[in-house]
Protein backbone atom coordinates (compact mmCIF):
# COMPACT_ATOMS: atom_id res chain seq x y z
CA MET A 1 0.00 0.00 0.00
CA THR A 2 1.30 3.46 -0.86
CA GLU A 3 1.82 5.52 2.27
CA LEU A 4 0.18 8.91 2.66
CA ARG A 5 2.60 11.77 2.14
CA GLY A 6 1.44 13.69 5.17
CA PRO A 7 -1.12 13.82 7.98
CA LEU A 8 -4.60 12.96 6.75
CA ARG A 9 -5.94 16.31 7.90
CA ASP A 10 -3.56 18.04 5.50
CA LEU A 11 -4.90 16.04 2.53
CA LEU A 12 -8.62 16.62 3.18
CA SER A 13 -10.51 19.90 3.00
CA ASP A 14 -14.06 20.80 3.99
CA PRO A 15 -15.80 22.70 1.14
CA ILE A 16 -18.47 24.08 3.51
CA GLU A 17 -17.64 27.48 4.95
CA HIS A 18 -17.73 27.40 8.75
CA GLU A 19 -19.79 30.61 9.12
CA LYS A 20 -22.52 29.42 6.72
CA LEU A 21 -22.77 26.07 8.42
CA GLU A 22 -23.04 27.68 11.85
CA GLY A 23 -25.81 30.02 10.60
CA ILE A 24 -27.86 27.09 9.31
CA ARG A 25 -27.29 25.18 12.55
CA ARG A 26 -28.44 28.12 14.71
CA ARG A 27 -31.61 28.66 12.69
CA MET A 28 -32.51 24.97 12.82
CA HIS A 29 -31.84 24.88 16.56
CA ALA A 30 -34.08 27.92 17.17
CA THR A 31 -37.15 26.15 15.74
CA ARG A 32 -37.09 23.65 18.61
CA TRP A 33 -38.29 26.40 21.00
CA LEU A 34 -41.24 27.74 18.97
CA PRO A 35 -44.65 27.63 20.71
CA ARG A 36 -46.73 24.71 19.47
CA GLU A 37 -49.50 26.99 18.16
CA ARG A 38 -47.07 28.94 15.95
CA ALA A 39 -45.40 25.93 14.39
CA TRP A 40 -48.01 25.43 11.67
CA ARG A 41 -47.77 29.10 10.64
CA ILE A 42 -44.11 28.88 9.71
CA ALA A 43 -44.33 25.48 8.06
CA PRO A 44 -44.23 26.98 4.53
CA ALA A 45 -41.22 29.07 5.46
CA LEU A 46 -39.45 26.05 6.90
CA ALA A 47 -40.21 24.08 3.75
CA ALA A 48 -38.76 26.87 1.61
CA ALA A 49 -35.70 27.04 3.84
CA ALA A 50 -35.24 23.30 3.50
CA VAL A 51 -35.31 23.65 -0.27
CA VAL A 52 -32.67 26.38 -0.08
CA VAL A 53 -30.47 24.28 2.20
CA VAL A 54 -30.77 21.27 -0.10
CA GLY A 55 -29.90 23.46 -3.06
CA VAL A 56 -26.86 24.93 -1.32
CA VAL A 57 -25.62 21.50 -0.23
CA SER A 58 -26.17 20.19 -3.76
CA TRP A 59 -24.16 23.10 -5.15
CA TRP A 60 -21.36 22.33 -2.71
CA SER A 61 -21.44 18.66 -3.68
CA VAL A 62 -20.88 19.47 -7.36
CA ALA A 63 -18.34 22.21 -6.72
CA PRO A 64 -15.13 21.91 -8.71
CA ALA A 65 -12.64 19.30 -7.49
CA PRO A 66 -9.70 20.50 -5.38
CA ASP A 67 -6.83 22.13 -7.26
CA SER A 68 -4.92 19.53 -9.23
CA GLY A 69 -1.96 19.44 -11.58
CA PRO A 70 1.32 21.34 -11.24
CA LEU A 71 1.69 24.78 -9.72
CA ARG A 72 1.42 27.43 -12.43
CA LEU A 73 2.57 31.02 -12.70
CA ALA A 74 -0.40 33.36 -12.42
CA ARG A 75 0.89 35.73 -15.10
CA ASP A 76 0.73 33.28 -18.01
CA GLY A 77 -0.49 29.92 -16.65
CA SER A 78 2.76 28.11 -17.42
CA PRO A 79 3.98 25.43 -14.97
CA LEU A 80 6.42 26.63 -12.32
CA ARG A 81 9.91 25.51 -13.38
CA SER A 82 12.44 28.18 -12.48
CA VAL A 83 12.20 31.77 -11.26
CA HIS A 84 14.88 34.29 -10.43
CA GLY A 85 14.98 37.83 -9.16
CA GLY A 86 15.60 40.58 -11.69
CA ALA A 87 14.55 43.27 -9.23
CA GLU A 88 15.42 43.88 -5.60
CA LEU A 89 12.67 41.47 -4.47
CA GLU A 90 10.71 40.30 -7.50
CA GLU A 91 7.20 38.92 -6.98
CA HIS A 92 6.12 35.67 -8.65
CA ALA A 93 2.43 34.94 -7.98
CA LEU A 94 1.17 31.37 -8.39
CA HIS A 95 -2.27 30.26 -9.50
CA ASP A 96 -3.16 28.74 -6.09
CA GLY A 97 -2.66 32.05 -4.26
CA SER A 98 0.88 31.37 -3.07
CA VAL A 99 3.59 33.94 -3.85
CA LEU A 100 7.38 33.74 -4.15
CA PHE A 101 9.47 36.87 -3.60
CA VAL A 102 12.94 36.30 -5.07
CA ALA A 103 15.84 38.68 -4.58
CA ARG A 104 18.20 39.81 -7.32
CA ASP A 105 20.62 37.10 -8.53
CA THR A 106 18.71 34.42 -6.59
CA ARG A 107 17.28 31.40 -8.37
CA VAL A 108 14.55 29.01 -7.23
CA GLU A 109 13.95 25.85 -9.28
CA ALA A 110 11.12 23.33 -9.17
CA ILE A 111 12.60 19.86 -8.74
CA GLU A 112 9.16 18.25 -8.38
CA ASN A 113 5.87 19.98 -9.20
CA GLY A 114 2.67 17.97 -8.83
CA ASP A 115 -0.82 18.18 -7.38
CA ALA A 116 0.26 16.68 -4.03
CA ARG A 117 3.92 17.67 -3.60
CA VAL A 118 6.20 20.53 -4.60
CA VAL A 119 10.00 20.38 -4.12
CA LEU A 120 12.00 23.54 -4.77
CA ALA A 121 15.77 24.08 -4.71
CA GLN A 122 17.10 27.53 -3.78
CA GLY A 123 20.57 28.72 -4.73
CA ASP A 124 22.54 31.48 -3.03
CA GLY A 125 20.59 34.62 -2.15
CA ARG A 126 17.29 35.45 -0.48
CA ALA A 127 13.76 34.28 -1.21
CA GLU A 128 10.50 34.66 0.71
CA TYR A 129 7.79 32.02 0.46
CA HIS A 130 4.12 32.82 1.10
CA VAL A 131 2.49 29.39 0.90
CA ARG A 132 -1.31 29.42 0.89
CA PRO A 133 -2.59 27.73 4.07
CA GLY A 134 -4.82 24.72 3.59
CA GLY A 135 -3.61 23.99 0.08
CA PRO A 136 -3.47 20.42 -1.25
CA ARG A 137 0.30 20.36 -1.77
CA ARG A 138 3.12 19.56 0.61
CA TRP A 139 5.99 22.00 0.02
CA THR A 140 9.68 21.28 0.51
CA VAL A 141 12.46 23.80 -0.12
CA ASP A 142 16.01 22.42 -0.35
CA ALA A 143 18.59 25.10 0.49
CA GLY A 144 21.64 22.87 0.75
CA ALA A 145 22.56 22.72 4.43
CA LEU A 146 18.91 23.10 5.48
CA VAL A 147 15.69 21.65 4.06
CA VAL A 148 12.31 23.22 4.96
CA ASP A 149 9.01 21.27 5.00
CA VAL A 150 5.80 23.32 5.14
CA VAL A 151 2.04 23.11 4.51
CA GLY A 152 0.99 26.77 4.68
CA THR A 153 2.93 29.68 6.15
CA ARG A 154 5.25 32.59 5.40
CA PHE A 155 8.98 32.22 5.76
CA ALA A 156 12.26 33.39 4.23
CA ILE A 157 15.51 31.61 3.37
CA VAL A 158 18.84 33.40 3.08
CA ARG A 159 21.63 31.26 1.64
CA ASP A 160 25.32 31.95 1.13
CA GLY A 161 27.01 28.66 0.32
CA ALA A 162 27.05 26.53 3.47
CA ARG A 163 25.61 29.40 5.52
CA VAL A 164 21.80 29.16 5.56
CA ARG A 165 19.23 31.03 7.65
CA VAL A 166 15.49 30.26 7.87
CA GLU A 167 13.14 32.92 9.28
CA VAL A 168 9.44 32.24 9.96
CA ARG A 169 6.89 35.06 9.69
CA GLU A 170 3.62 33.11 10.13
CA GLY A 171 2.64 29.52 10.80
CA ARG A 172 5.11 26.72 11.49
CA VAL A 173 7.77 24.93 9.46
CA ARG A 174 9.93 21.87 9.98
CA VAL A 175 13.62 22.38 9.25
CA ARG A 176 15.98 19.45 8.57
CA GLY A 177 19.77 19.52 8.36
CA VAL A 178 22.96 17.83 9.48
CA GLY A 179 23.97 21.01 11.33
CA LEU A 180 20.90 20.95 13.62
CA ALA A 181 20.81 19.24 16.99
CA GLY A 182 18.91 16.02 16.42
CA GLY A 183 18.84 16.76 12.70
CA LEU A 184 15.38 18.35 12.97
CA ARG A 185 13.76 21.47 14.41
CA THR A 186 10.26 22.96 14.29
CA LEU A 187 10.01 26.77 14.08
CA GLY A 188 7.03 28.98 14.85
CA ALA A 189 6.22 32.58 13.96
CA GLY A 190 9.06 34.95 14.89
CA GLU A 191 11.65 32.16 15.23
CA HIS A 192 14.68 31.47 13.09
CA VAL A 193 17.57 29.05 12.78
CA GLU A 194 20.97 29.47 11.13
CA VAL A 195 23.79 27.05 10.33
CA GLY A 196 27.27 27.48 8.90
CA THR A 197 28.07 30.65 10.86
CA GLU A 198 31.31 29.44 12.42
CA GLU A 199 34.49 31.20 11.45
CA PRO A 200 35.82 29.41 8.36
CA SER A 201 39.04 27.51 8.78
CA PRO A 202 41.62 27.22 6.01
CA GLU A 203 40.15 24.87 3.44
CA PRO A 204 42.06 21.57 3.30
CA PRO A 205 42.90 20.06 -0.05
CA PRO A 206 40.23 17.75 -1.50
CA VAL A 207 40.36 14.23 -0.10
CA PRO A 208 41.28 11.80 -2.90
CA VAL A 209 38.77 9.04 -3.47
CA GLU A 210 41.46 6.64 -4.64
CA ALA A 211 44.82 6.74 -2.91
CA ALA A 212 47.61 7.63 -5.31
CA ALA A 213 50.56 5.25 -5.40
CA SER A 214 52.99 8.11 -4.98
CA ALA A 215 52.92 11.86 -5.27
CA PRO A 216 55.61 13.64 -7.29
CA ALA A 217 57.51 16.46 -5.68
CA GLU A 218 55.89 19.83 -6.20
CA PRO A 219 57.80 21.82 -8.80
CA THR A 220 59.33 25.10 -7.83
CA GLY A 221 58.76 28.34 -9.67
CA PRO A 222 55.54 30.05 -10.68
CA ARG A 223 52.41 27.90 -10.54
CA ALA A 224 50.21 27.40 -13.56
CA ALA A 225 46.79 28.98 -13.43
CA PRO A 226 44.11 26.51 -12.23
CA ALA A 227 41.91 25.05 -14.93
CA PRO A 228 38.57 26.84 -15.23
CA ARG A 229 35.61 25.05 -13.71
CA PRO A 230 33.19 23.41 -16.13
CA ARG A 231 29.96 25.29 -16.76
CA TRP A 232 27.87 22.61 -15.03
CA ARG A 233 29.96 22.93 -11.86
CA GLU A 234 29.56 26.70 -11.75
CA LEU A 235 25.80 26.28 -12.05
CA ALA A 236 25.71 23.53 -9.41
CA ASP A 237 27.71 25.65 -6.97
CA ARG A 238 25.05 28.37 -7.35
CA GLY A 239 22.23 25.90 -6.73
CA ALA A 240 20.96 25.96 -10.33
CA TYR A 241 20.79 22.17 -10.53
CA THR A 242 18.34 21.91 -13.43
CA GLU A 243 20.56 24.12 -15.59
CA ALA A 244 23.65 22.25 -14.37
CA PHE A 245 22.12 18.97 -15.51
CA ALA A 246 21.19 20.49 -18.86
CA ALA A 247 24.78 21.68 -19.27
CA ILE A 248 26.41 18.32 -18.50
CA GLY A 249 23.71 15.97 -19.82
CA GLU A 250 22.95 12.40 -18.78
CA ARG A 251 25.91 10.87 -20.61
CA GLY A 252 28.29 13.56 -19.39
CA LEU A 253 27.16 13.06 -15.80
CA ARG A 254 27.67 9.30 -16.04
CA ASP A 255 31.16 9.75 -17.52
CA ALA A 256 32.11 12.38 -14.95
CA SER A 257 30.88 10.14 -12.12
CA ARG A 258 33.28 7.42 -13.27
CA ARG A 259 36.24 9.79 -13.76
CA ALA A 260 35.89 12.05 -10.72
CA HIS A 261 38.82 11.89 -8.29
CA THR A 262 37.73 14.15 -5.42
CA VAL A 263 34.99 13.99 -2.82
CA ASP A 264 33.83 17.52 -3.63
CA GLU A 265 33.32 16.74 -7.32
CA LEU A 266 31.42 13.54 -6.54
CA TRP A 267 29.12 15.40 -4.16
CA ALA A 268 28.49 18.07 -6.79
CA LEU A 269 27.62 15.38 -9.36
CA ALA A 270 25.31 13.59 -6.91
CA ASP A 271 23.51 16.81 -5.97
CA THR A 272 23.14 17.80 -9.63
CA ALA A 273 21.48 14.48 -10.43
CA ARG A 274 19.37 14.24 -7.29
CA LEU A 275 18.12 17.83 -7.18
CA SER A 276 17.41 18.06 -10.90
CA GLY A 277 14.94 15.19 -10.68
CA HIS A 278 17.23 12.33 -11.82
CA PRO A 279 17.72 10.28 -8.62
CA ALA A 280 18.93 7.13 -10.40
CA LEU A 281 21.93 9.03 -11.79
CA ALA A 282 22.97 10.03 -8.27
CA VAL A 283 23.56 6.40 -7.31
CA GLU A 284 27.02 6.03 -8.93
CA PRO A 285 28.72 9.11 -7.40
CA LEU A 286 27.12 8.40 -4.02
CA THR A 287 28.23 4.76 -4.21
CA ARG A 288 31.83 5.80 -4.82
CA LEU A 289 31.61 8.17 -1.86
CA ALA A 290 30.13 5.51 0.42
CA GLU A 291 32.56 2.77 -0.59
CA HIS A 292 35.89 4.57 -0.75
CA ASP A 293 38.44 3.93 1.99
CA ALA A 294 39.66 7.50 2.49
CA PRO A 295 39.29 8.74 6.10
CA ASP A 296 36.40 11.08 5.35
CA ALA A 297 33.36 11.26 7.64
CA ARG A 298 31.16 12.05 4.66
CA ALA A 299 31.23 8.40 3.59
CA GLY A 300 28.62 7.60 6.25
CA ILE A 301 26.49 10.54 5.12
CA ALA A 302 26.75 9.31 1.51
CA ALA A 303 25.56 5.85 2.58
CA LEU A 304 22.67 7.40 4.51
CA THR A 305 21.75 9.51 1.47
CA LEU A 306 21.80 6.39 -0.72
CA GLY A 307 19.54 4.60 1.76
CA ARG A 308 17.01 7.42 1.77
CA LEU A 309 17.19 7.73 -2.02
CA SER A 310 16.61 3.99 -2.48
CA LEU A 311 13.68 4.01 -0.06
CA ASP A 312 11.93 7.22 -1.08
CA ALA A 313 12.71 7.82 -4.76
CA LEU A 314 13.75 4.50 -6.28
CA ASP A 315 11.38 2.13 -4.43
CA ALA A 316 14.25 -0.27 -3.76
CA PRO A 317 13.94 -1.25 -0.06
CA GLY A 318 16.51 -4.05 -0.43
CA GLU A 319 19.14 -1.56 -1.57
CA ALA A 320 18.00 0.80 1.19
CA VAL A 321 18.72 -1.92 3.77
CA ARG A 322 22.22 -2.38 2.36
CA TRP A 323 23.11 1.31 2.46
CA LEU A 324 21.49 2.13 5.78
CA GLU A 325 23.34 -0.76 7.42
CA ARG A 326 26.56 0.58 5.92
CA ALA A 327 25.76 4.05 7.23
CA VAL A 328 25.39 2.61 10.74
CA ALA A 329 28.63 0.63 10.35
CA LEU A 330 30.60 3.61 9.01
CA GLY A 331 29.16 5.88 11.64
CA VAL A 332 27.00 8.95 11.21
CA PRO A 333 26.88 11.99 13.48
CA GLU A 334 25.13 11.13 16.75
CA ARG A 335 22.23 13.46 15.95
CA LEU A 336 21.53 11.38 12.83
CA ARG A 337 21.87 7.94 14.42
CA GLU A 338 18.29 7.82 15.72
CA PRO A 339 16.57 8.62 12.37
CA THR A 340 19.03 6.33 10.55
CA LEU A 341 18.05 3.34 12.71
CA ALA A 342 14.36 4.20 12.29
CA ARG A 343 14.73 4.28 8.50
CA LEU A 344 16.53 0.92 8.66
CA VAL A 345 13.54 -0.56 10.50
CA GLU A 346 11.26 0.87 7.81
CA ALA A 347 13.47 -0.52 5.02
CA HIS A 348 13.38 -4.03 6.53
CA ARG A 349 9.60 -3.73 6.85
CA ARG A 350 9.12 -2.69 3.23
CA ALA A 351 11.54 -5.38 2.03
CA GLY A 352 9.55 -8.04 3.87
CA ASN A 353 12.38 -8.90 6.28
CA GLY A 354 10.24 -9.61 9.34
CA THR A 355 12.97 -11.11 11.52
CA GLN A 356 15.50 -8.37 10.74
CA MET A 357 12.84 -5.71 11.27
CA ALA A 358 12.03 -7.11 14.71
CA SER A 359 15.69 -7.24 15.80
CA THR A 360 16.47 -3.77 14.42
CA GLY A 361 13.30 -2.37 15.97
CA ALA A 362 14.23 -3.82 19.36
CA ARG A 363 17.70 -2.34 18.98
CA TYR A 364 16.18 1.05 18.16
CA LEU A 365 13.79 1.02 21.15
CA GLU A 366 16.57 -0.06 23.50
CA SER A 367 18.67 2.93 22.42
CA TYR A 368 15.86 5.45 21.91
CA PRO A 369 12.76 4.48 23.94
CA ASP A 370 11.53 8.07 23.76
CA GLY A 371 12.96 8.84 20.32
CA ARG A 372 11.21 10.96 17.75
CA ASN A 373 10.31 7.85 15.73
CA ALA A 374 9.63 5.51 18.67
CA ALA A 375 5.84 5.49 18.18
CA ARG A 376 6.18 4.54 14.50
CA VAL A 377 8.67 1.78 15.27
CA ARG A 378 6.37 0.33 17.94
CA ALA A 379 3.44 0.42 15.53
CA TRP A 380 5.48 -1.44 12.88
CA LEU A 381 6.48 -4.10 15.39
CA GLU A 382 2.91 -4.52 16.59
CA SER A 383 1.68 -4.98 13.03
CA VAL A 384 3.65 -8.23 12.61
CA ARG A 385 2.90 -9.82 15.97
C-alpha cells in the first residue's frame, strides 16, 4: 500500500464554509423552542428554507474538485519551473494564491511539481515564500545545508554557500539539516535558525577518493593557473541544478561520475542528479563516496543519502537496507543515528524482512525508547505480531 505523504488532515478539505454552516445550525436549533401553536404558521417558510439548504448542499457537492496538476505562474499559466529575481525582491504569484518573492541574482527551481507535492531548490541569495494555508500540496524547499518542510505559512531563506538562515513570519515549518541538533527542528512565527556561521578555517585540499601510489615532488617556480571550472559545476555551486544537468547531460554526468577523483566533485555530481529530478543518476557518485576507503566522515552521510534515495525515490527497499546498514557501520553523526536506525527498520519492513525488522526495531527502542520515531517503530512491530 502506498503511504500517505502527510497527515490525513492536510490532505482533506471541507468545502463548507464554517460561518454558513453555523448560521444554518443556529436557525434549525431555534425552531425547537417555537410555541406549538405557531409551528403550523411557519411550516411553509421552513419548507422553503429546507429547499434552499438542499440546493446549497447540492451546489457544494458538485463544486469543482480541489486544485490539481502542477503549480502554475499566475501571469501566463505556465507550470512553475524556475524563477529568479531581476529586481530587488521580485514577486512571482502562483495560481493557487501562493507567492514567491525572489531577490536579485537568486534562483529558485522546481525539482518536483505535482498536485500533491512541490519540491524547490534555492541557490545562493534570499527568497521569501508565502504558501497558501490549507492547500493540497506539501511544500519542501532544499537550500543545501537546510531543508524546509511546510504546509501553509510565510517564511524566508537566506543562503550563502554553506551558511543558511530560515526565518518564519507566520505559521510553522519543519527544518531538517545535518547542522541541527537532532537533525530536525520545528520553528514557529518569529523564530529562526541558522547554520554554517562558524568562522571558516583554512580549506584543506580535496580528499582523494582513490589513494595515489605516490605523489611527485611539487615543482618550484611560478604555478600554472588553475583550470577553469566546467559550466555545469559553476551552475551547481550556485544551486541551479536543473541548468547544471542540462549543461552536462545524462551521458556527461555518467562519464564524470566514473572519472571524478575528489569527494567535492562527486558530491556536486550527486547533488546535480538528485536535485534536478534524476535520482537514479545520483547512485554512482554516491556509491563511490560511500565505498571509498579514504578517512572522510562524509562516507557515512553518503551511505545514509543512498539509503534514503533507495527508499523514497527508487522504491528499492533491499538496496536501502544495504546502504542504511553501511551508514550505521561507518558511523553517522550522533544526531543522525536515531533517524538512521528508524529508516533501517522501515526498510526491513518494506523489504519483507520480518525477523530483521524485529531485531532492528528492538535495537532502536533499546537505544531510543523516547525517540522521535519511537511510536512509529512500535506500531510497525505490533503490526507483525
